[in-house]
Amino acid sequence: MNNTSAEYEAVINVCRGLFMKKTYDYGTAWRILRPESITDQLFIKAQRIRTLEEKKISKVGEDITGEYIGIVNYCVIAMMQLDCKPGTPVELAPDHVGKLFDEKVTETKDLMFAKNHDYGEAWRDMRISSLTDLILMKILRVKQIEDNKGQTLASEGIKANYQDMLNYAVFALIKLGVK
């Protein structure tokens, strides 16, 4: 029997652990990034995953697990940046950042459970490569919304796309056995 909540939390603990270590090492230098730059970072990570999936060889010796962790963490960064008001300092206290991280992940996990109810955990039967493609599609959607200055006619908006990408990356990490 699958315990999605426990598996999700285990993956998030790995992602959060790395995120907080980097926060102590680098501070919140990511605060300097514009939303478009964060989207491009997500694109780089997802494109690398796709390339590794297709070529089956990594010349730098790193597998896709670290890239999916990066996608989770960049999605959290993106959502935190969306909430920062003009005048928010670049450097934020690590404890505050940890609380913000937890808030964004909790909102996103709640969304995942609502969707899981309706979709019946279909992600469990999907290929990891399909999750990669869905992330890439969501990135392209966000880029288009950004190019349209945030204006949408029928879409759910940027934050919802970041939440979906985060959840797809967590699903991939669960399928990869990250604990």
Protein backbone atom coordinates (compact mmCIF):
# COMPACT_ATOMS: atom_id res chain seq x y z
CA MET A 1 0.00 0.00 0.00
CA ASN A 2 1.33 3.42 -0.96
CA ASN A 3 1.48 6.17 1.61
CA THR A 4 1.65 9.24 -0.58
CA SER A 5 1.77 11.67 2.33
CA ALA A 6 4.77 9.96 3.96
CA GLU A 7 6.57 9.54 0.62
CA TYR A 8 5.93 13.19 -0.26
CA GLU A 9 7.23 14.36 3.13
CA ALA A 10 10.35 12.20 2.82
CA VAL A 11 11.19 13.74 -0.54
CA ILE A 12 10.47 17.25 0.71
CA ASN A 13 12.74 16.67 3.72
CA VAL A 14 15.61 15.84 1.35
CA CYS A 15 14.88 18.92 -0.78
CA ARG A 16 14.46 21.20 2.23
CA GLY A 17 17.63 19.89 3.84
CA LEU A 18 19.69 20.82 0.79
CA PHE A 19 17.85 24.14 0.41
CA MET A 20 18.57 25.16 3.99
CA LYS A 21 22.24 24.10 3.79
CA LYS A 22 22.61 26.29 0.70
CA THR A 23 20.79 29.11 2.49
CA TYR A 24 23.38 28.96 5.27
CA ASP A 25 26.22 28.76 2.71
CA TYR A 26 25.03 31.42 0.24
CA GLY A 27 22.37 33.39 2.07
CA THR A 28 19.40 34.35 -0.07
CA ALA A 29 21.38 35.44 -3.13
CA TRP A 30 18.50 33.97 -5.19
CA ARG A 31 16.47 37.02 -4.17
CA ILE A 32 18.31 38.96 -6.88
CA LEU A 33 16.75 36.78 -9.60
CA ARG A 34 13.88 38.14 -11.62
CA PRO A 35 10.96 35.73 -12.16
CA GLU A 36 12.04 35.14 -15.77
CA SER A 37 15.50 34.07 -14.59
CA ILE A 38 14.01 31.55 -12.19
CA THR A 39 11.89 30.16 -15.01
CA ASP A 40 15.02 29.84 -17.14
CA GLN A 41 16.81 27.99 -14.31
CA LEU A 42 13.89 25.57 -14.17
CA PHE A 43 14.13 25.14 -17.95
CA ILE A 44 17.86 24.35 -17.75
CA LYS A 45 17.27 21.68 -15.10
CA ALA A 46 14.31 20.08 -16.89
CA GLN A 47 16.09 20.16 -20.25
CA ARG A 48 19.14 18.46 -18.70
CA ILE A 49 16.89 15.72 -17.30
CA ARG A 50 15.34 15.19 -20.72
CA THR A 51 18.76 15.07 -22.38
CA LEU A 52 19.99 12.50 -19.86
CA GLU A 53 16.82 10.45 -20.31
CA GLU A 54 17.37 10.39 -24.06
CA LYS A 55 21.16 9.94 -24.17
CA LYS A 56 21.38 7.62 -21.13
CA ILE A 57 24.88 8.97 -20.34
CA SER A 58 26.01 11.82 -18.11
CA LYS A 59 29.44 13.26 -18.94
CA VAL A 60 29.62 15.10 -15.60
CA GLY A 61 28.65 12.05 -13.56
CA GLU A 62 25.48 13.44 -11.99
CA ASP A 63 22.13 11.74 -12.35
CA ILE A 64 18.68 13.24 -12.71
CA THR A 65 17.86 13.04 -9.00
CA GLY A 66 19.75 16.23 -8.20
CA GLU A 67 18.05 18.04 -11.07
CA TYR A 68 14.59 17.09 -9.82
CA ILE A 69 15.58 18.29 -6.33
CA GLY A 70 16.68 21.54 -7.96
CA ILE A 71 13.30 21.85 -9.68
CA VAL A 72 11.50 21.44 -6.36
CA ASN A 73 13.69 24.07 -4.73
CA TYR A 74 13.53 26.55 -7.62
CA CYS A 75 9.73 26.24 -7.67
CA VAL A 76 9.68 27.14 -3.97
CA ILE A 77 12.03 30.05 -4.66
CA ALA A 78 9.75 31.22 -7.47
CA MET A 79 6.68 31.16 -5.24
CA MET A 80 8.56 33.02 -2.49
CA GLN A 81 9.67 35.65 -5.01
CA LEU A 82 6.10 36.10 -6.22
CA ASP A 83 5.11 37.02 -2.65
CA CYS A 84 8.00 39.44 -2.03
CA LYS A 85 6.91 43.05 -2.12
CA PRO A 86 9.04 45.87 -3.52
CA GLY A 87 11.52 46.81 -0.85
CA THR A 88 11.87 43.29 0.56
CA PRO A 89 15.55 42.97 1.43
CA VAL A 90 17.75 40.67 -0.63
CA GLU A 91 19.06 38.97 2.48
CA LEU A 92 16.45 37.13 4.54
CA ALA A 93 17.09 35.32 7.82
CA PRO A 94 17.44 31.53 7.41
CA ASP A 95 14.72 30.85 9.99
CA HIS A 96 12.31 33.08 8.07
CA VAL A 97 13.24 31.40 4.78
CA GLY A 98 12.63 27.99 6.36
CA LYS A 99 9.14 29.07 7.41
CA LEU A 100 8.40 30.44 3.93
CA PHE A 101 9.65 27.18 2.39
CA ASP A 102 7.32 25.19 4.62
CA GLU A 103 4.35 27.45 3.80
CA LYS A 104 4.84 27.09 0.04
CA VAL A 105 5.28 23.32 0.27
CA THR A 106 2.21 22.92 2.50
CA GLU A 107 0.05 24.89 0.03
CA THR A 108 1.41 22.82 -2.83
CA LYS A 109 0.95 19.51 -1.04
CA ASP A 110 -2.66 20.43 -0.25
CA LEU A 111 -3.22 21.13 -3.95
CA MET A 112 -1.64 17.77 -4.80
CA PHE A 113 -4.03 15.90 -2.50
CA ALA A 114 -7.04 17.68 -3.99
CA LYS A 115 -5.89 16.74 -7.50
CA ASN A 116 -4.95 13.21 -6.42
CA HIS A 117 -8.50 12.74 -5.19
CA ASP A 118 -9.86 13.64 -8.62
CA TYR A 119 -7.19 11.85 -10.68
CA GLY A 120 -6.80 8.75 -8.50
CA GLU A 121 -3.00 8.97 -8.25
CA ALA A 122 -2.60 8.46 -12.00
CA TRP A 123 1.00 9.70 -11.64
CA ARG A 124 1.96 6.34 -10.13
CA ASP A 125 1.33 4.69 -13.51
CA MET A 126 3.17 7.36 -15.49
CA ARG A 127 6.71 7.14 -16.79
CA ILE A 128 9.26 9.47 -15.24
CA SER A 129 9.97 10.79 -18.73
CA SER A 130 6.34 11.90 -19.00
CA LEU A 131 6.69 13.83 -15.74
CA THR A 132 9.76 15.52 -17.26
CA ASP A 133 7.76 16.46 -20.36
CA LEU A 134 4.92 17.84 -18.24
CA ILE A 135 7.41 19.99 -16.32
CA LEU A 136 8.86 21.29 -19.59
CA MET A 137 5.37 22.07 -20.88
CA LYS A 138 4.54 23.99 -17.68
CA ILE A 139 7.80 25.93 -18.00
CA LEU A 140 6.89 26.94 -21.54
CA ARG A 141 3.46 28.02 -20.30
CA VAL A 142 5.04 30.17 -17.58
CA LYS A 143 7.43 31.71 -20.12
CA GLN A 144 4.46 32.64 -22.31
CA ILE A 145 2.57 34.15 -19.36
CA GLU A 146 5.71 36.11 -18.41
CA ASP A 147 6.08 37.31 -22.01
CA ASN A 148 2.43 38.43 -21.83
CA LYS A 149 3.24 40.48 -18.70
CA GLY A 150 1.18 38.12 -16.51
CA GLN A 151 -2.02 38.59 -18.49
CA THR A 152 -4.05 35.44 -19.12
CA LEU A 153 -7.44 34.79 -20.65
CA ALA A 154 -8.18 31.28 -19.45
CA SER A 155 -5.17 29.85 -17.60
CA GLU A 156 -4.67 29.34 -13.91
CA GLY A 157 -1.63 31.61 -13.70
CA ILE A 158 2.03 31.39 -12.86
CA LYS A 159 1.86 30.19 -9.24
CA ALA A 160 -0.37 27.22 -10.12
CA ASN A 161 2.12 26.18 -12.80
CA TYR A 162 4.99 26.35 -10.29
CA GLN A 163 2.93 24.23 -7.90
CA ASP A 164 2.26 21.63 -10.59
CA MET A 165 5.96 21.51 -11.53
CA LEU A 166 6.92 21.07 -7.90
CA ASN A 167 4.44 18.22 -7.51
CA TYR A 168 5.57 16.51 -10.73
CA ALA A 169 9.19 16.72 -9.54
CA VAL A 170 8.22 15.22 -6.17
CA PHE A 171 6.37 12.41 -7.98
CA ALA A 172 9.49 11.71 -10.06
CA LEU A 173 11.66 11.66 -6.92
CA ILE A 174 9.22 9.25 -5.23
CA LYS A 175 9.38 7.00 -8.30
CA LEU A 176 13.21 7.24 -8.22
CA GLY A 177 13.16 6.04 -4.61
CA VAL A 178 14.40 9.20 -2.89
CA LYS A 179 13.84 9.04 0.85
